[in-house]
Amino acid sequence: MTTFFTRAEFERAPKTLLRDGRIANAKVFRLQWAGKDWTVKDFSERPWYIRETIGHALISHEVRMINRLKGLDGVSQHAFQIDRFAMAVEFMPGTSIQHFGNHELTPEFLEAFESLIRRMHEHHVVHLDCRGLGNVLVRPDGTPGLIDFQSALYTRYMPTCLREYLEDIDNSAPLKRWQLGHPNLMGEERKEKLSRIEQLRRWWPFEGYFGKKKSPENDTKDES
């Protein structure tokens, strides 16, 4: 795996803090290095019991998941670990769909969103948090992008029933946008699929990574 810059180079490079996060979350930066923009997640300033457990595990896990999607348009590339407590991935420009009204997400965008999820699943990866509106981007060319693979799982060796269940969690994300923004255009097949998935989701106890429940504020955003 290529390391594009070191911890020392990261510390002295021009950067912007994008998100400070809570104690169990990484600090997230946008970094300029060698003519490229990067997103950096860094646990190094968290307490030792966070960075040595959750922090290290999440950093190494997310790098592995992103690199399983090498070459997939709609997912940032060149993820690598800066050190034990930090990772970097090419910055993906775009605006999260939480800043768009449901009717502003066109049927063409939603079809492309479905295609991106389908192609991700062909790489045996499930995202598991793409219903979180902040993790889905409208890129400058109008196509969808996915970020934040901390919750992702590799499904190749899972039992078929479990893999399909987890894939349906992802599939519900664009279907929900269809229902909220273009119910008259989604068709009976999508409606039936969403109804089936919503019944199954009652048995899914997790939101985000490590079972972190969504706040009421985020629940409201998800249903806006």
Protein backbone atom coordinates (compact mmCIF):
# COMPACT_ATOMS: atom_id res chain seq x y z
CA MET A 1 0.00 0.00 0.00
CA THR A 2 1.37 3.39 -1.00
CA THR A 3 1.84 6.00 1.71
CA PHE A 4 1.48 9.39 0.08
CA PHE A 5 2.58 11.44 3.09
CA THR A 6 3.83 10.86 6.63
CA ARG A 7 2.59 12.08 10.00
CA ALA A 8 5.24 14.82 10.02
CA GLU A 9 4.19 15.96 6.55
CA PHE A 10 0.54 15.90 7.58
CA GLU A 11 1.27 18.07 10.62
CA ARG A 12 2.95 20.82 8.58
CA ALA A 13 0.71 20.73 5.50
CA PRO A 14 -2.07 23.32 4.94
CA LYS A 15 -5.34 21.85 6.24
CA THR A 16 -8.83 22.71 7.38
CA LEU A 17 -10.70 21.09 10.27
CA LEU A 18 -13.95 19.75 8.83
CA ARG A 19 -15.30 18.05 11.94
CA ASP A 20 -14.03 17.86 15.50
CA GLY A 21 -16.40 15.08 16.54
CA ARG A 22 -17.05 13.59 19.93
CA ILE A 23 -14.58 11.75 22.11
CA ALA A 24 -15.05 8.44 20.28
CA ASN A 25 -14.85 10.02 16.81
CA ALA A 26 -11.85 10.99 14.76
CA LYS A 27 -11.05 14.58 13.94
CA VAL A 28 -11.61 15.05 10.21
CA PHE A 29 -9.44 17.37 8.12
CA ARG A 30 -9.20 18.46 4.52
CA LEU A 31 -5.54 18.48 3.56
CA GLN A 32 -3.63 19.79 0.58
CA TRP A 33 -0.59 17.77 -0.39
CA ALA A 34 1.35 17.46 -3.65
CA GLY A 35 -1.36 19.16 -5.65
CA LYS A 36 -4.20 16.97 -4.37
CA ASP A 37 -6.87 17.37 -1.71
CA TRP A 38 -7.21 14.63 0.89
CA THR A 39 -9.60 13.77 3.69
CA VAL A 40 -7.77 12.76 6.88
CA LYS A 41 -9.33 11.06 9.90
CA ASP A 42 -7.15 11.33 12.98
CA PHE A 43 -7.61 9.77 16.44
CA SER A 44 -4.18 10.78 17.75
CA GLU A 45 -5.55 13.50 20.07
CA ARG A 46 -8.20 11.27 21.65
CA PRO A 47 -7.61 9.61 25.06
CA TRP A 48 -5.36 6.55 24.91
CA TYR A 49 -8.22 4.13 25.69
CA ILE A 50 -10.06 5.43 22.61
CA ARG A 51 -7.19 5.69 20.14
CA GLU A 52 -5.70 2.31 21.11
CA THR A 53 -9.01 0.44 20.76
CA ILE A 54 -11.84 2.00 18.76
CA GLY A 55 -9.54 4.45 16.97
CA HIS A 56 -6.98 1.99 15.69
CA ALA A 57 -9.67 -0.56 14.77
CA LEU A 58 -11.78 1.93 12.80
CA ILE A 59 -8.82 3.39 10.94
CA SER A 60 -7.46 0.06 9.72
CA HIS A 61 -10.95 -1.27 8.96
CA GLU A 62 -12.03 1.71 6.86
CA VAL A 63 -8.82 1.65 4.81
CA ARG A 64 -9.38 -2.04 4.02
CA MET A 65 -13.00 -1.48 3.01
CA ILE A 66 -12.24 1.47 0.71
CA ASN A 67 -9.38 -0.36 -0.95
CA ARG A 68 -11.69 -3.28 -1.74
CA LEU A 69 -13.57 -0.78 -3.92
CA LYS A 70 -10.54 0.22 -5.95
CA GLY A 71 -11.54 1.68 -9.30
CA LEU A 72 -15.22 2.10 -8.41
CA ASP A 73 -16.45 5.49 -9.60
CA GLY A 74 -18.37 7.14 -6.78
CA VAL A 75 -15.99 6.04 -4.02
CA SER A 76 -12.81 7.96 -3.13
CA GLN A 77 -9.56 6.20 -4.00
CA HIS A 78 -6.04 5.77 -2.61
CA ALA A 79 -6.93 5.20 1.03
CA PHE A 80 -3.92 4.56 3.28
CA GLN A 81 -2.90 4.65 6.92
CA ILE A 82 -0.71 7.59 7.84
CA ASP A 83 0.16 5.79 11.06
CA ARG A 84 -1.60 3.68 13.68
CA PHE A 85 -4.15 6.38 14.51
CA ALA A 86 -4.81 8.21 11.24
CA MET A 87 -5.85 7.49 7.67
CA ALA A 88 -6.18 9.51 4.49
CA VAL A 89 -8.22 9.13 1.31
CA GLU A 90 -8.57 11.37 -1.71
CA PHE A 91 -11.07 14.14 -0.99
CA MET A 92 -14.35 13.75 -2.86
CA PRO A 93 -15.90 17.10 -3.83
CA GLY A 94 -19.66 17.33 -3.58
CA THR A 95 -22.61 18.37 -1.46
CA SER A 96 -24.34 15.96 0.88
CA ILE A 97 -27.93 15.19 0.00
CA GLN A 98 -29.07 16.56 3.36
CA HIS A 99 -28.80 19.99 1.71
CA PHE A 100 -31.26 19.06 -1.05
CA GLY A 101 -35.01 18.84 -0.86
CA ASN A 102 -36.38 15.40 -1.69
CA HIS A 103 -37.84 16.68 -4.96
CA GLU A 104 -34.43 18.10 -5.94
CA LEU A 105 -32.93 14.61 -6.11
CA THR A 106 -33.92 13.72 -9.65
CA PRO A 107 -35.00 10.26 -10.81
CA GLU A 108 -31.78 10.14 -12.85
CA PHE A 109 -29.72 10.75 -9.71
CA LEU A 110 -31.65 8.10 -7.77
CA GLU A 111 -31.14 5.56 -10.56
CA ALA A 112 -27.42 6.32 -10.50
CA PHE A 113 -27.46 5.97 -6.69
CA GLU A 114 -29.05 2.52 -7.06
CA SER A 115 -26.41 1.60 -9.64
CA LEU A 116 -23.56 2.73 -7.36
CA ILE A 117 -24.88 0.57 -4.52
CA ARG A 118 -25.31 -2.40 -6.86
CA ARG A 119 -21.73 -2.07 -8.14
CA MET A 120 -20.43 -1.75 -4.56
CA HIS A 121 -22.22 -4.99 -3.67
CA GLU A 122 -20.59 -6.67 -6.67
CA HIS A 123 -17.29 -5.95 -4.88
CA HIS A 124 -18.70 -7.82 -1.83
CA VAL A 125 -18.90 -4.67 0.31
CA VAL A 126 -21.94 -3.29 2.14
CA HIS A 127 -21.86 0.29 3.43
CA LEU A 128 -24.59 -0.02 6.12
CA ASP A 129 -24.82 3.73 6.75
CA CYS A 130 -25.84 5.20 3.39
CA ARG A 131 -29.27 6.08 4.78
CA GLY A 132 -27.29 8.70 6.72
CA LEU A 133 -27.80 11.74 4.51
CA GLY A 134 -24.33 13.12 5.22
CA ASN A 135 -22.69 10.06 3.68
CA VAL A 136 -24.22 10.46 0.21
CA LEU A 137 -22.93 13.26 -2.01
CA VAL A 138 -24.11 14.97 -5.16
CA ARG A 139 -20.81 15.44 -6.99
CA PRO A 140 -20.10 18.44 -9.24
CA ASP A 141 -21.09 16.41 -12.34
CA GLY A 142 -24.43 15.52 -10.71
CA THR A 143 -23.56 11.89 -10.00
CA PRO A 144 -23.68 10.25 -6.54
CA GLY A 145 -20.74 9.59 -4.28
CA LEU A 146 -20.43 7.58 -1.07
CA ILE A 147 -18.17 8.48 1.84
CA ASP A 148 -17.47 7.18 5.36
CA PHE A 149 -16.94 3.42 5.26
CA GLN A 150 -16.44 2.90 9.02
CA SER A 151 -19.58 0.75 9.19
CA ALA A 152 -18.86 -1.21 6.02
CA LEU A 153 -18.48 -4.99 5.97
CA TYR A 154 -16.98 -7.50 3.56
CA THR A 155 -19.66 -10.03 2.65
CA ARG A 156 -18.01 -12.52 0.31
CA TYR A 157 -17.88 -15.37 2.84
CA MET A 158 -21.15 -14.62 4.60
CA PRO A 159 -24.18 -16.90 4.30
CA THR A 160 -26.37 -15.81 1.39
CA CYS A 161 -29.34 -14.92 3.59
CA LEU A 162 -27.21 -12.63 5.79
CA ARG A 163 -25.48 -11.01 2.81
CA GLU A 164 -28.81 -10.29 1.11
CA TYR A 165 -30.22 -8.86 4.34
CA LEU A 166 -27.27 -6.49 4.72
CA GLU A 167 -27.45 -5.48 1.06
CA ASP A 168 -31.11 -4.64 1.53
CA ILE A 169 -30.16 -2.22 4.32
CA ASP A 170 -28.14 -0.33 1.69
CA ASN A 171 -30.80 -0.72 -1.00
CA SER A 172 -33.36 0.96 1.23
CA ALA A 173 -31.43 4.26 1.03
CA PRO A 174 -32.30 5.24 -2.57
CA LEU A 175 -35.71 3.59 -2.27
CA LYS A 176 -36.53 5.87 0.68
CA ARG A 177 -35.52 8.90 -1.40
CA TRP A 178 -37.81 7.66 -4.21
CA GLN A 179 -40.68 7.36 -1.75
CA LEU A 180 -40.16 10.83 -0.28
CA GLY A 181 -39.40 12.69 -3.49
CA HIS A 182 -40.97 10.85 -6.43
CA PRO A 183 -43.51 8.29 -5.17
CA ASN A 184 -45.46 8.43 -8.42
CA LEU A 185 -42.37 7.56 -10.46
CA MET A 186 -40.80 4.80 -8.37
CA GLY A 187 -43.03 2.01 -9.75
CA GLU A 188 -44.65 -0.95 -8.03
CA GLU A 189 -41.48 -3.06 -7.94
CA ARG A 190 -39.59 -0.43 -5.92
CA LYS A 191 -42.58 0.15 -3.64
CA GLU A 192 -42.91 -3.56 -2.88
CA LYS A 193 -39.18 -3.90 -2.31
CA LEU A 194 -39.09 -0.95 0.08
CA SER A 195 -42.09 -2.29 2.01
CA ARG A 196 -40.38 -5.66 2.38
CA ILE A 197 -37.09 -4.08 3.49
CA GLU A 198 -38.79 -1.78 5.98
CA GLN A 199 -40.36 -4.83 7.62
CA LEU A 200 -36.93 -6.47 7.86
CA ARG A 201 -35.29 -3.31 9.23
CA ARG A 202 -37.27 -3.67 12.45
CA TRP A 203 -34.77 -6.41 13.31
CA TRP A 204 -31.72 -4.23 12.52
CA PRO A 205 -30.57 -2.77 15.89
CA PHE A 206 -27.70 -0.60 14.67
CA GLU A 207 -27.29 2.91 13.30
CA GLY A 208 -23.82 4.02 12.32
CA TYR A 209 -20.83 2.12 13.69
CA PHE A 210 -20.77 0.01 16.87
CA GLY A 211 -24.51 0.30 17.29
CA LYS A 212 -24.57 4.06 17.77
CA LYS A 213 -28.21 5.14 17.74
CA LYS A 214 -29.25 8.10 15.66
CA SER A 215 -30.24 11.22 17.53
CA PRO A 216 -33.80 12.51 17.15
CA GLU A 217 -32.34 15.37 15.07
CA ASN A 218 -30.80 12.93 12.59
CA ASP A 219 -33.96 10.88 12.46
CA THR A 220 -35.82 14.01 11.46
CA LYS A 221 -33.30 14.76 8.72
CA ASP A 222 -33.54 11.22 7.38
CA GLU A 223 -37.27 11.54 6.94
CA SER A 224 -37.34 15.11 5.60
